[in-house]
Amino acid sequence: MTVSWWADIWSSPMAPEFDDSDRHGLFMLAVLVDAFWNAETPTAAKDLAAEIRQQGQRFGLSPIDRRRLQWEIERTEEAQDKGARRRAQPPAPAKPSKSAADPRSVLRAV
């Protein structure tokens, strides 16, 4: 379910609004979504759902959140064409490339 959620996020009309700094927050939100689907108790699922709802607001994941952020989805043909061209660009990678240095490599135990 988490993989499906992630694919929906990056194929949505909001995806072009996210910048590189948003990806880290979305990664953390994906961890919460995964924990929700794997929760062992109803109480844990309820608590995770509340946190997912709050964190999702930051990224305009519901219509009311998009309104609060003053985001609009293209409505005219010209805007839809522009959006289609923008979405035709390769999406942001879901995982960092293997050639990228692990940012944790600078951490040392004290």
PDB file of N, CA and C in Angstrom:
ATOM      1  N   MET A   1       0.816  -1.197   0.000  1.00  0.00           N
ATOM      2  CA  MET A   1       0.000   0.000   0.000  1.00  0.00           C
ATOM      3  C   MET A   1       0.860   1.262   0.000  1.00  0.00           C
ATOM      4  N   THR A   2       1.980   1.212   0.698  1.00  0.00           N
ATOM      5  CA  THR A   2       2.845   2.384   0.771  1.00  0.00           C
ATOM      6  C   THR A   2       3.426   2.707  -0.598  1.00  0.00           C
ATOM      7  N   VAL A   3       3.810   1.688  -1.340  1.00  0.00           N
ATOM      8  CA  VAL A   3       4.362   1.909  -2.678  1.00  0.00           C
ATOM      9  C   VAL A   3       3.301   2.531  -3.578  1.00  0.00           C
ATOM     10  N   SER A   4       2.073   2.055  -3.474  1.00  0.00           N
ATOM     11  CA  SER A   4       0.971   2.627  -4.248  1.00  0.00           C
ATOM     12  C   SER A   4       0.734   4.085  -3.856  1.00  0.00           C
ATOM     13  N   TRP A   5       0.757   4.378  -2.553  1.00  0.00           N
ATOM     14  CA  TRP A   5       0.593   5.753  -2.066  1.00  0.00           C
ATOM     15  C   TRP A   5       1.690   6.639  -2.647  1.00  0.00           C
ATOM     16  N   TRP A   6       2.932   6.159  -2.604  1.00  0.00           N
ATOM     17  CA  TRP A   6       4.078   6.928  -3.112  1.00  0.00           C
ATOM     18  C   TRP A   6       3.909   7.220  -4.611  1.00  0.00           C
ATOM     19  N   ALA A   7       3.492   6.211  -5.369  1.00  0.00           N
ATOM     20  CA  ALA A   7       3.280   6.405  -6.808  1.00  0.00           C
ATOM     21  C   ALA A   7       2.169   7.419  -7.057  1.00  0.00           C
ATOM     22  N   ASP A   8       1.108   7.358  -6.264  1.00  0.00           N
ATOM     23  CA  ASP A   8       0.009   8.322  -6.411  1.00  0.00           C
ATOM     24  C   ASP A   8       0.478   9.743  -6.138  1.00  0.00           C
ATOM     25  N   ILE A   9       1.313   9.914  -5.124  1.00  0.00           N
ATOM     26  CA  ILE A   9       1.826  11.250  -4.790  1.00  0.00           C
ATOM     27  C   ILE A   9       2.585  11.830  -5.972  1.00  0.00           C
ATOM     28  N   TRP A  10       3.489  11.040  -6.566  1.00  0.00           N
ATOM     29  CA  TRP A  10       4.354  11.559  -7.627  1.00  0.00           C
ATOM     30  C   TRP A  10       3.678  11.601  -8.988  1.00  0.00           C
ATOM     31  N   SER A  11       2.505  10.986  -9.132  1.00  0.00           N
ATOM     32  CA  SER A  11       1.774  11.101 -10.395  1.00  0.00           C
ATOM     33  C   SER A  11       0.625  12.101 -10.283  1.00  0.00           C
ATOM     34  N   SER A  12       0.475  12.713  -9.122  1.00  0.00           N
ATOM     35  CA  SER A  12      -0.616  13.663  -8.898  1.00  0.00           C
ATOM     36  C   SER A  12      -0.284  15.030  -9.484  1.00  0.00           C
ATOM     37  N   PRO A  13      -1.291  15.873  -9.666  1.00  0.00           N
ATOM     38  CA  PRO A  13      -1.046  17.229 -10.162  1.00  0.00           C
ATOM     39  C   PRO A  13      -0.220  18.081  -9.198  1.00  0.00           C
ATOM     40  N   MET A  14      -0.108  17.673  -7.938  1.00  0.00           N
ATOM     41  CA  MET A  14       0.676  18.454  -6.978  1.00  0.00           C
ATOM     42  C   MET A  14       2.168  18.178  -7.089  1.00  0.00           C
ATOM     43  N   ALA A  15       2.556  17.064  -7.683  1.00  0.00           N
ATOM     44  CA  ALA A  15       3.966  16.671  -7.724  1.00  0.00           C
ATOM     45  C   ALA A  15       4.892  17.775  -8.240  1.00  0.00           C
ATOM     46  N   PRO A  16       4.513  18.517  -9.283  1.00  0.00           N
ATOM     47  CA  PRO A  16       5.420  19.579  -9.748  1.00  0.00           C
ATOM     48  C   PRO A  16       5.614  20.700  -8.726  1.00  0.00           C
ATOM     49  N   GLU A  17       4.724  20.799  -7.755  1.00  0.00           N
ATOM     50  CA  GLU A  17       4.849  21.841  -6.734  1.00  0.00           C
ATOM     51  C   GLU A  17       5.908  21.499  -5.691  1.00  0.00           C
ATOM     52  N   PHE A  18       6.257  20.215  -5.570  1.00  0.00           N
ATOM     53  CA  PHE A  18       7.238  19.807  -4.573  1.00  0.00           C
ATOM     54  C   PHE A  18       8.640  20.132  -5.074  1.00  0.00           C
ATOM     55  N   ASP A  19       9.477  20.649  -4.187  1.00  0.00           N
ATOM     56  CA  ASP A  19      10.877  20.858  -4.563  1.00  0.00           C
ATOM     57  C   ASP A  19      11.734  19.831  -3.824  1.00  0.00           C
ATOM     58  N   ASP A  20      13.034  19.888  -4.061  1.00  0.00           N
ATOM     59  CA  ASP A  20      13.922  18.870  -3.485  1.00  0.00           C
ATOM     60  C   ASP A  20      13.837  18.808  -1.966  1.00  0.00           C
ATOM     61  N   SER A  21      13.648  19.953  -1.326  1.00  0.00           N
ATOM     62  CA  SER A  21      13.587  19.948   0.142  1.00  0.00           C
ATOM     63  C   SER A  21      12.313  19.278   0.658  1.00  0.00           C
ATOM     64  N   ASP A  22      11.262  19.221  -0.147  1.00  0.00           N
ATOM     65  CA  ASP A  22      10.023  18.553   0.261  1.00  0.00           C
ATOM     66  C   ASP A  22      10.175  17.036   0.288  1.00  0.00           C
ATOM     67  N   ARG A  23      11.090  16.515  -0.500  1.00  0.00           N
ATOM     68  CA  ARG A  23      11.229  15.058  -0.589  1.00  0.00           C
ATOM     69  C   ARG A  23      11.530  14.436   0.763  1.00  0.00           C
ATOM     70  N   HIS A  24      12.326  15.110   1.583  1.00  0.00           N
ATOM     71  CA  HIS A  24      12.682  14.541   2.886  1.00  0.00           C
ATOM     72  C   HIS A  24      11.451  14.431   3.788  1.00  0.00           C
ATOM     73  N   GLY A  25      10.598  15.441   3.770  1.00  0.00           N
ATOM     74  CA  GLY A  25       9.357  15.376   4.532  1.00  0.00           C
ATOM     75  C   GLY A  25       8.441  14.289   4.000  1.00  0.00           C
ATOM     76  N   LEU A  26       8.410  14.129   2.672  1.00  0.00           N
ATOM     77  CA  LEU A  26       7.598  13.068   2.080  1.00  0.00           C
ATOM     78  C   LEU A  26       8.166  11.691   2.418  1.00  0.00           C
ATOM     79  N   PHE A  27       9.494  11.578   2.511  1.00  0.00           N
ATOM     80  CA  PHE A  27      10.094  10.304   2.939  1.00  0.00           C
ATOM     81  C   PHE A  27       9.619   9.960   4.351  1.00  0.00           C
ATOM     82  N   MET A  28       9.642  10.947   5.248  1.00  0.00           N
ATOM     83  CA  MET A  28       9.191  10.704   6.628  1.00  0.00           C
ATOM     84  C   MET A  28       7.708  10.345   6.652  1.00  0.00           C
ATOM     85  N   LEU A  29       6.916  11.009   5.810  1.00  0.00           N
ATOM     86  CA  LEU A  29       5.489  10.704   5.738  1.00  0.00           C
ATOM     87  C   LEU A  29       5.275   9.284   5.208  1.00  0.00           C
ATOM     88  N   ALA A  30       6.090   8.863   4.258  1.00  0.00           N
ATOM     89  CA  ALA A  30       5.984   7.496   3.731  1.00  0.00           C
ATOM     90  C   ALA A  30       6.261   6.468   4.828  1.00  0.00           C
ATOM     91  N   VAL A  31       7.202   6.767   5.709  1.00  0.00           N
ATOM     92  CA  VAL A  31       7.486   5.866   6.836  1.00  0.00           C
ATOM     93  C   VAL A  31       6.249   5.753   7.728  1.00  0.00           C
ATOM     94  N   LEU A  32       5.586   6.886   7.977  1.00  0.00           N
ATOM     95  CA  LEU A  32       4.366   6.865   8.793  1.00  0.00           C
ATOM     96  C   LEU A  32       3.256   6.075   8.103  1.00  0.00           C
ATOM     97  N   VAL A  33       3.110   6.262   6.791  1.00  0.00           N
ATOM     98  CA  VAL A  33       2.082   5.528   6.038  1.00  0.00           C
ATOM     99  C   VAL A  33       2.358   4.029   6.117  1.00  0.00           C
ATOM    100  N   ASP A  34       3.612   3.646   5.963  1.00  0.00           N
ATOM    101  CA  ASP A  34       3.967   2.232   6.044  1.00  0.00           C
ATOM    102  C   ASP A  34       3.673   1.672   7.436  1.00  0.00           C
ATOM    103  N   ALA A  35       4.012   2.448   8.461  1.00  0.00           N
ATOM    104  CA  ALA A  35       3.728   2.004   9.836  1.00  0.00           C
ATOM    105  C   ALA A  35       2.224   1.872  10.059  1.00  0.00           C
ATOM    106  N   PHE A  36       1.438   2.774   9.466  1.00  0.00           N
ATOM    107  CA  PHE A  36      -0.021   2.692   9.588  1.00  0.00           C
ATOM    108  C   PHE A  36      -0.531   1.365   9.025  1.00  0.00           C
ATOM    109  N   TRP A  37      -0.079   1.014   7.823  1.00  0.00           N
ATOM    110  CA  TRP A  37      -0.565  -0.212   7.194  1.00  0.00           C
ATOM    111  C   TRP A  37      -0.065  -1.463   7.901  1.00  0.00           C
ATOM    112  N   ASN A  38       0.984  -1.333   8.693  1.00  0.00           N
ATOM    113  CA  ASN A  38       1.525  -2.482   9.419  1.00  0.00           C
ATOM    114  C   ASN A  38       1.262  -2.407  10.923  1.00  0.00           C
ATOM    115  N   ALA A  39       0.411  -1.488  11.346  1.00  0.00           N
ATOM    116  CA  ALA A  39       0.115  -1.320  12.776  1.00  0.00           C
ATOM    117  C   ALA A  39      -0.503  -2.598  13.335  1.00  0.00           C
ATOM    118  N   GLU A  40      -0.089  -2.928  14.546  1.00  0.00           N
ATOM    119  CA  GLU A  40      -0.568  -4.162  15.165  1.00  0.00           C
ATOM    120  C   GLU A  40      -1.821  -3.962  16.002  1.00  0.00           C
ATOM    121  N   THR A  41      -2.107  -2.722  16.397  1.00  0.00           N
ATOM    122  CA  THR A  41      -3.296  -2.474  17.213  1.00  0.00           C
ATOM    123  C   THR A  41      -4.110  -1.339  16.607  1.00  0.00           C
ATOM    124  N   PRO A  42      -5.416  -1.336  16.847  1.00  0.00           N
ATOM    125  CA  PRO A  42      -6.245  -0.232  16.364  1.00  0.00           C
ATOM    126  C   PRO A  42      -5.812   1.122  16.936  1.00  0.00           C
ATOM    127  N   THR A  43      -5.351   1.130  18.175  1.00  0.00           N
ATOM    128  CA  THR A  43      -4.904   2.381  18.792  1.00  0.00           C
ATOM    129  C   THR A  43      -3.682   2.931  18.062  1.00  0.00           C
ATOM    130  N   ALA A  44      -2.749   2.056  17.731  1.00  0.00           N
ATOM    131  CA  ALA A  44      -1.555   2.489  16.996  1.00  0.00           C
ATOM    132  C   ALA A  44      -1.943   3.022  15.622  1.00  0.00           C
ATOM    133  N   ALA A  45      -2.868   2.339  14.947  1.00  0.00           N
ATOM    134  CA  ALA A  45      -3.320   2.793  13.628  1.00  0.00           C
ATOM    135  C   ALA A  45      -4.003   4.151  13.726  1.00  0.00           C
ATOM    136  N   LYS A  46      -4.813   4.336  14.771  1.00  0.00           N
ATOM    137  CA  LYS A  46      -5.506   5.617  14.962  1.00  0.00           C
ATOM    138  C   LYS A  46      -4.510   6.745  15.195  1.00  0.00           C
ATOM    139  N   ASP A  47      -3.522   6.499  16.038  1.00  0.00           N
ATOM    140  CA  ASP A  47      -2.506   7.517  16.320  1.00  0.00           C
ATOM    141  C   ASP A  47      -1.706   7.860  15.064  1.00  0.00           C
ATOM    142  N   LEU A  48      -1.354   6.849  14.291  1.00  0.00           N
ATOM    143  CA  LEU A  48      -0.610   7.089  13.054  1.00  0.00           C
ATOM    144  C   LEU A  48      -1.466   7.832  12.034  1.00  0.00           C
ATOM    145  N   ALA A  49      -2.753   7.490  11.947  1.00  0.00           N
ATOM    146  CA  ALA A  49      -3.640   8.185  11.011  1.00  0.00           C
ATOM    147  C   ALA A  49      -3.716   9.672  11.336  1.00  0.00           C
ATOM    148  N   ALA A  50      -3.748   9.999  12.620  1.00  0.00           N
ATOM    149  CA  ALA A  50      -3.795  11.408  13.027  1.00  0.00           C
ATOM    150  C   ALA A  50      -2.517  12.130  12.614  1.00  0.00           C
ATOM    151  N   GLU A  51      -1.382  11.501  12.813  1.00  0.00           N
ATOM    152  CA  GLU A  51      -0.107  12.130  12.438  1.00  0.00           C
ATOM    153  C   GLU A  51       0.019  12.247  10.922  1.00  0.00           C
ATOM    154  N   ILE A  52      -0.430  11.227  10.196  1.00  0.00           N
ATOM    155  CA  ILE A  52      -0.403  11.273   8.732  1.00  0.00           C
ATOM    156  C   ILE A  52      -1.261  12.426   8.233  1.00  0.00           C
ATOM    157  N   ARG A  53      -2.431  12.596   8.836  1.00  0.00           N
ATOM    158  CA  ARG A  53      -3.316  13.698   8.445  1.00  0.00           C
ATOM    159  C   ARG A  53      -2.628  15.035   8.664  1.00  0.00           C
ATOM    160  N   GLN A  54      -1.996  15.200   9.818  1.00  0.00           N
ATOM    161  CA  GLN A  54      -1.331  16.473  10.112  1.00  0.00           C
ATOM    162  C   GLN A  54      -0.145  16.716   9.187  1.00  0.00           C
ATOM    163  N   GLN A  55       0.661  15.699   8.960  1.00  0.00           N
ATOM    164  CA  GLN A  55       1.826  15.870   8.090  1.00  0.00           C
ATOM    165  C   GLN A  55       1.409  16.050   6.633  1.00  0.00           C
ATOM    166  N   GLY A  56       0.325  15.392   6.232  1.00  0.00           N
ATOM    167  CA  GLY A  56      -0.159  15.525   4.860  1.00  0.00           C
ATOM    168  C   GLY A  56      -0.593  16.936   4.518  1.00  0.00           C
ATOM    169  N   GLN A  57      -1.011  17.695   5.522  1.00  0.00           N
ATOM    170  CA  GLN A  57      -1.418  19.084   5.292  1.00  0.00           C
ATOM    171  C   GLN A  57      -0.276  19.904   4.724  1.00  0.00           C
ATOM    172  N   ARG A  58       0.940  19.624   5.143  1.00  0.00           N
ATOM    173  CA  ARG A  58       2.110  20.374   4.673  1.00  0.00           C
ATOM    174  C   ARG A  58       2.316  20.229   3.175  1.00  0.00           C
ATOM    175  N   PHE A  59       1.818  19.130   2.612  1.00  0.00           N
ATOM    176  CA  PHE A  59       2.095  18.823   1.215  1.00  0.00           C
ATOM    177  C   PHE A  59       0.860  18.917   0.323  1.00  0.00           C
ATOM    178  N   GLY A  60      -0.234  19.459   0.841  1.00  0.00           N
ATOM    179  CA  GLY A  60      -1.428  19.649   0.032  1.00  0.00           C
ATOM    180  C   GLY A  60      -2.041  18.353  -0.458  1.00  0.00           C
ATOM    181  N   LEU A  61      -2.118  17.354   0.409  1.00  0.00           N
ATOM    182  CA  LEU A  61      -2.579  16.038  -0.022  1.00  0.00           C
ATOM    183  C   LEU A  61      -4.095  15.878  -0.044  1.00  0.00           C
ATOM    184  N   SER A  62      -4.833  16.858   0.416  1.00  0.00           N
ATOM    185  CA  SER A  62      -6.295  16.806   0.310  1.00  0.00           C
ATOM    186  C   SER A  62      -6.771  18.118  -0.310  1.00  0.00           C
ATOM    187  N   PRO A  63      -7.985  18.132  -0.854  1.00  0.00           N
ATOM    188  CA  PRO A  63      -8.479  19.372  -1.470  1.00  0.00           C
ATOM    189  C   PRO A  63      -8.471  20.566  -0.516  1.00  0.00           C
ATOM    190  N   ILE A  64      -8.838  20.360   0.739  1.00  0.00           N
ATOM    191  CA  ILE A  64      -8.859  21.483   1.685  1.00  0.00           C
ATOM    192  C   ILE A  64      -7.440  21.971   1.977  1.00  0.00           C
ATOM    193  N   ASP A  65      -6.483  21.043   2.007  1.00  0.00           N
ATOM    194  CA  ASP A  65      -5.086  21.436   2.215  1.00  0.00           C
ATOM    195  C   ASP A  65      -4.574  22.255   1.036  1.00  0.00           C
ATOM    196  N   ARG A  66      -4.946  21.851  -0.182  1.00  0.00           N
ATOM    197  CA  ARG A  66      -4.526  22.611  -1.363  1.00  0.00           C
ATOM    198  C   ARG A  66      -5.141  24.002  -1.355  1.00  0.00           C
ATOM    199  N   ARG A  67      -6.373  24.104  -0.909  1.00  0.00           N
ATOM    200  CA  ARG A  67      -7.018  25.418  -0.829  1.00  0.00           C
ATOM    201  C   ARG A  67      -6.294  26.295   0.191  1.00  0.00           C
ATOM    202  N   ARG A  68      -5.945  25.723   1.321  1.00  0.00           N
ATOM    203  CA  ARG A  68      -5.236  26.472   2.353  1.00  0.00           C
ATOM    204  C   ARG A  68      -3.879  26.950   1.844  1.00  0.00           C
ATOM    205  N   LEU A  69      -3.212  26.123   1.039  1.00  0.00           N
ATOM    206  CA  LEU A  69      -1.921  26.491   0.462  1.00  0.00           C
ATOM    207  C   LEU A  69      -2.070  27.375  -0.781  1.00  0.00           C
ATOM    208  N   GLN A  70      -3.315  27.602  -1.188  1.00  0.00           N
ATOM    209  CA  GLN A  70      -3.645  28.403  -2.371  1.00  0.00           C
ATOM    210  C   GLN A  70      -3.074  27.779  -3.646  1.00  0.00           C
ATOM    211  N   TRP A  71      -3.110  26.438  -3.701  1.00  0.00           N
ATOM    212  CA  TRP A  71      -2.704  25.727  -4.905  1.00  0.00           C
ATOM    213  C   TRP A  71      -3.944  25.489  -5.741  1.00  0.00           C
ATOM    214  N   GLU A  72      -3.799  25.600  -7.039  1.00  0.00           N
ATOM    215  CA  GLU A  72      -4.902  25.292  -7.940  1.00  0.00           C
ATOM    216  C   GLU A  72      -4.424  24.305  -8.983  1.00  0.00           C
ATOM    217  N   ILE A  73      -5.280  23.342  -9.297  1.00  0.00           N
ATOM    218  CA  ILE A  73      -4.988  22.380 -10.348  1.00  0.00           C
ATOM    219  C   ILE A  73      -5.462  23.002 -11.655  1.00  0.00           C
ATOM    220  N   GLU A  74      -4.671  22.818 -12.742  1.00  0.00           N
ATOM    221  CA  GLU A  74      -5.002  23.451 -14.014  1.00  0.00           C
ATOM    222  C   GLU A  74      -6.428  23.133 -14.436  1.00  0.00           C
ATOM    223  N   ARG A  75      -7.101  24.152 -14.972  1.00  0.00           N
ATOM    224  CA  ARG A  75      -8.490  23.955 -15.383  1.00  0.00           C
ATOM    225  C   ARG A  75      -8.694  24.223 -16.868  1.00  0.00           C
ATOM    226  N   THR A  76      -7.947  25.130 -17.446  1.00  0.00           N
ATOM    227  CA  THR A  76      -8.133  25.453 -18.855  1.00  0.00           C
ATOM    228  C   THR A  76      -7.310  24.514 -19.718  1.00  0.00           C
ATOM    229  N   GLU A  77      -7.642  24.454 -21.002  1.00  0.00           N
ATOM    230  CA  GLU A  77      -6.902  23.578 -21.905  1.00  0.00           C
ATOM    231  C   GLU A  77      -5.433  23.970 -21.970  1.00  0.00           C
ATOM    232  N   GLU A  78      -5.162  25.272 -22.047  1.00  0.00           N
ATOM    233  CA  GLU A  78      -3.774  25.728 -22.114  1.00  0.00           C
ATOM    234  C   GLU A  78      -3.011  25.315 -20.858  1.00  0.00           C
ATOM    235  N   ALA A  79      -3.628  25.506 -19.713  1.00  0.00           N
ATOM    236  CA  ALA A  79      -2.974  25.132 -18.456  1.00  0.00           C
ATOM    237  C   ALA A  79      -2.812  23.621 -18.368  1.00  0.00           C
ATOM    238  N   GLN A  80      -3.810  22.875 -18.853  1.00  0.00           N
ATOM    239  CA  GLN A  80      -3.707  21.419 -18.830  1.00  0.00           C
ATOM    240  C   GLN A  80      -2.578  20.947 -19.736  1.00  0.00           C
ATOM    241  N   ASP A  81      -2.437  21.575 -20.917  1.00  0.00           N
ATOM    242  CA  ASP A  81      -1.340  21.225 -21.818  1.00  0.00           C
ATOM    243  C   ASP A  81       0.006  21.539 -21.179  1.00  0.00           C
ATOM    244  N   LYS A  82       0.081  22.699 -20.539  1.00  0.00           N
ATOM    245  CA  LYS A  82       1.320  23.092 -19.862  1.00  0.00           C
ATOM    246  C   LYS A  82       1.649  22.087 -18.754  1.00  0.00           C
ATOM    247  N   GLY A  83       0.628  21.701 -17.995  1.00  0.00           N
ATOM    248  CA  GLY A  83       0.827  20.718 -16.933  1.00  0.00           C
ATOM    249  C   GLY A  83       1.247  19.364 -17.486  1.00  0.00           C
ATOM    250  N   ALA A  84       0.651  18.964 -18.620  1.00  0.00           N
ATOM    251  CA  ALA A  84       1.011  17.682 -19.232  1.00  0.00           C
ATOM    252  C   ALA A  84       2.469  17.693 -19.680  1.00  0.00           C
ATOM    253  N   ARG A  85       2.915  18.809 -20.255  1.00  0.00           N
ATOM    254  CA  ARG A  85       4.322  18.907 -20.663  1.00  0.00           C
ATOM    255  C   ARG A  85       5.244  18.839 -19.446  1.00  0.00           C
ATOM    256  N   ARG A  86       4.850  19.515 -18.373  1.00  0.00           N
ATOM    257  CA  ARG A  86       5.668  19.517 -17.162  1.00  0.00           C
ATOM    258  C   ARG A  86       5.727  18.110 -16.556  1.00  0.00           C
ATOM    259  N   ARG A  87       4.586  17.424 -16.560  1.00  0.00           N
ATOM    260  CA  ARG A  87       4.554  16.076 -15.988  1.00  0.00           C
ATOM    261  C   ARG A  87       5.250  15.059 -16.882  1.00  0.00           C
ATOM    262  N   ALA A  88       5.439  15.392 -18.171  1.00  0.00           N
ATOM    263  CA  ALA A  88       6.118  14.473 -19.084  1.00  0.00           C
ATOM    264  C   ALA A  88       7.607  14.388 -18.784  1.00  0.00           C
ATOM    265  N   GLN A  89       8.111  15.345 -18.023  1.00  0.00           N
ATOM    266  CA  GLN A  89       9.517  15.296 -17.628  1.00  0.00           C
ATOM    267  C   GLN A  89       9.701  14.114 -16.688  1.00  0.00           C
ATOM    268  N   PRO A  90      10.903  13.551 -16.660  1.00  0.00           N
ATOM    269  CA  PRO A  90      11.120  12.397 -15.776  1.00  0.00           C
ATOM    270  C   PRO A  90      10.819  12.757 -14.325  1.00  0.00           C
ATOM    271  N   PRO A  91      10.106  11.883 -13.608  1.00  0.00           N
ATOM    272  CA  PRO A  91       9.783  12.170 -12.202  1.00  0.00           C
ATOM    273  C   PRO A  91      11.026  12.088 -11.325  1.00  0.00           C
ATOM    274  N   ALA A  92      10.908  12.668 -10.159  1.00  0.00           N
ATOM    275  CA  ALA A  92      12.003  12.599  -9.190  1.00  0.00           C
ATOM    276  C   ALA A  92      12.206  11.139  -8.802  1.00  0.00           C
ATOM    277  N   PRO A  93      13.442  10.725  -8.626  1.00  0.00           N
ATOM    278  CA  PRO A  93      13.683   9.320  -8.270  1.00  0.00           C
ATOM    279  C   PRO A  93      13.092   8.993  -6.905  1.00  0.00           C
ATOM    280  N   ALA A  94      12.500   7.811  -6.817  1.00  0.00           N
ATOM    281  CA  ALA A  94      11.913   7.380  -5.552  1.00  0.00           C
ATOM    282  C   ALA A  94      12.999   7.016  -4.547  1.00  0.00           C
ATOM    283  N   LYS A  95      14.123   6.545  -5.048  1.00  0.00           N
ATOM    284  CA  LYS A  95      15.236   6.168  -4.185  1.00  0.00           C
ATOM    285  C   LYS A  95      16.483   6.889  -4.681  1.00  0.00           C
ATOM    286  N   PRO A  96      17.365   7.266  -3.780  1.00  0.00           N
ATOM    287  CA  PRO A  96      18.619   7.874  -4.232  1.00  0.00           C
ATOM    288  C   PRO A  96      19.420   6.870  -5.057  1.00  0.00           C
ATOM    289  N   SER A  97      20.154   7.364  -6.028  1.00  0.00           N
ATOM    290  CA  SER A  97      20.948   6.464  -6.855  1.00  0.00           C
ATOM    291  C   SER A  97      22.030   5.802  -6.006  1.00  0.00           C
ATOM    292  N   LYS A  98      22.433   4.621  -6.422  1.00  0.00           N
ATOM    293  CA  LYS A  98      23.427   3.875  -5.652  1.00  0.00           C
ATOM    294  C   LYS A  98      24.778   4.575  -5.661  1.00  0.00           C
ATOM    295  N   SER A  99      25.008   5.417  -6.679  1.00  0.00           N
ATOM    296  CA  SER A  99      26.288   6.107  -6.743  1.00  0.00           C
ATOM    297  C   SER A  99      26.344   7.294  -5.787  1.00  0.00           C
ATOM    298  N   ALA A 100      25.194   7.708  -5.252  1.00  0.00           N
ATOM    299  CA  ALA A 100      25.169   8.835  -4.317  1.00  0.00           C
ATOM    300  C   ALA A 100      25.801   8.412  -2.992  1.00  0.00           C
ATOM    301  N   ALA A 101      26.577   9.307  -2.425  1.00  0.00           N
ATOM    302  CA  ALA A 101      27.225   9.014  -1.144  1.00  0.00           C
ATOM    303  C   ALA A 101      26.176   8.956  -0.041  1.00  0.00           C
ATOM    304  N   ASP A 102      26.365   8.038   0.872  1.00  0.00           N
ATOM    305  CA  ASP A 102      25.453   7.910   2.002  1.00  0.00           C
ATOM    306  C   ASP A 102      25.704   9.070   2.963  1.00  0.00           C
ATOM    307  N   PRO A 103      24.695   9.941   3.200  1.00  0.00           N
ATOM    308  CA  PRO A 103      24.908  11.095   4.068  1.00  0.00           C
ATOM    309  C   PRO A 103      25.229  10.697   5.512  1.00  0.00           C
ATOM    310  N   ARG A 104      24.925   9.473   5.881  1.00  0.00           N
ATOM    311  CA  ARG A 104      25.214   9.022   7.246  1.00  0.00           C
ATOM    312  C   ARG A 104      26.686   8.691   7.447  1.00  0.00           C
ATOM    313  N   SER A 105      27.455   8.646   6.350  1.00  0.00           N
ATOM    314  CA  SER A 105      28.862   8.259   6.466  1.00  0.00           C
ATOM    315  C   SER A 105      29.690   9.260   7.262  1.00  0.00           C
ATOM    316  N   VAL A 106      29.198  10.483   7.445  1.00  0.00           N
ATOM    317  CA  VAL A 106      29.935  11.478   8.232  1.00  0.00           C
ATOM    318  C   VAL A 106      29.682  11.317   9.728  1.00  0.00           C
ATOM    319  N   LEU A 107      28.713  10.512  10.112  1.00  0.00           N
ATOM    320  CA  LEU A 107      28.392  10.325  11.523  1.00  0.00           C
ATOM    321  C   LEU A 107      29.380   9.362  12.170  1.00  0.00           C
ATOM    322  N   ARG A 108      29.757   9.659  13.388  1.00  0.00           N
ATOM    323  CA  ARG A 108      30.672   8.809  14.140  1.00  0.00           C
ATOM    324  C   ARG A 108      30.116   8.601  15.545  1.00  0.00           C
ATOM    325  N   ALA A 109      30.325   7.420  16.098  1.00  0.00           N
ATOM    326  CA  ALA A 109      29.897   7.134  17.470  1.00  0.00           C
ATOM    327  C   ALA A 109      30.876   7.782  18.435  1.00  0.00           C
ATOM    328  N   VAL A 110      30.337   8.363  19.500  1.00  0.00           N
ATOM    329  CA  VAL A 110      31.195   8.975  20.524  1.00  0.00           C
ATOM    330  C   VAL A 110      31.038   8.280  21.842  1.00  0.00           C
TER     331      VAL A 110
END
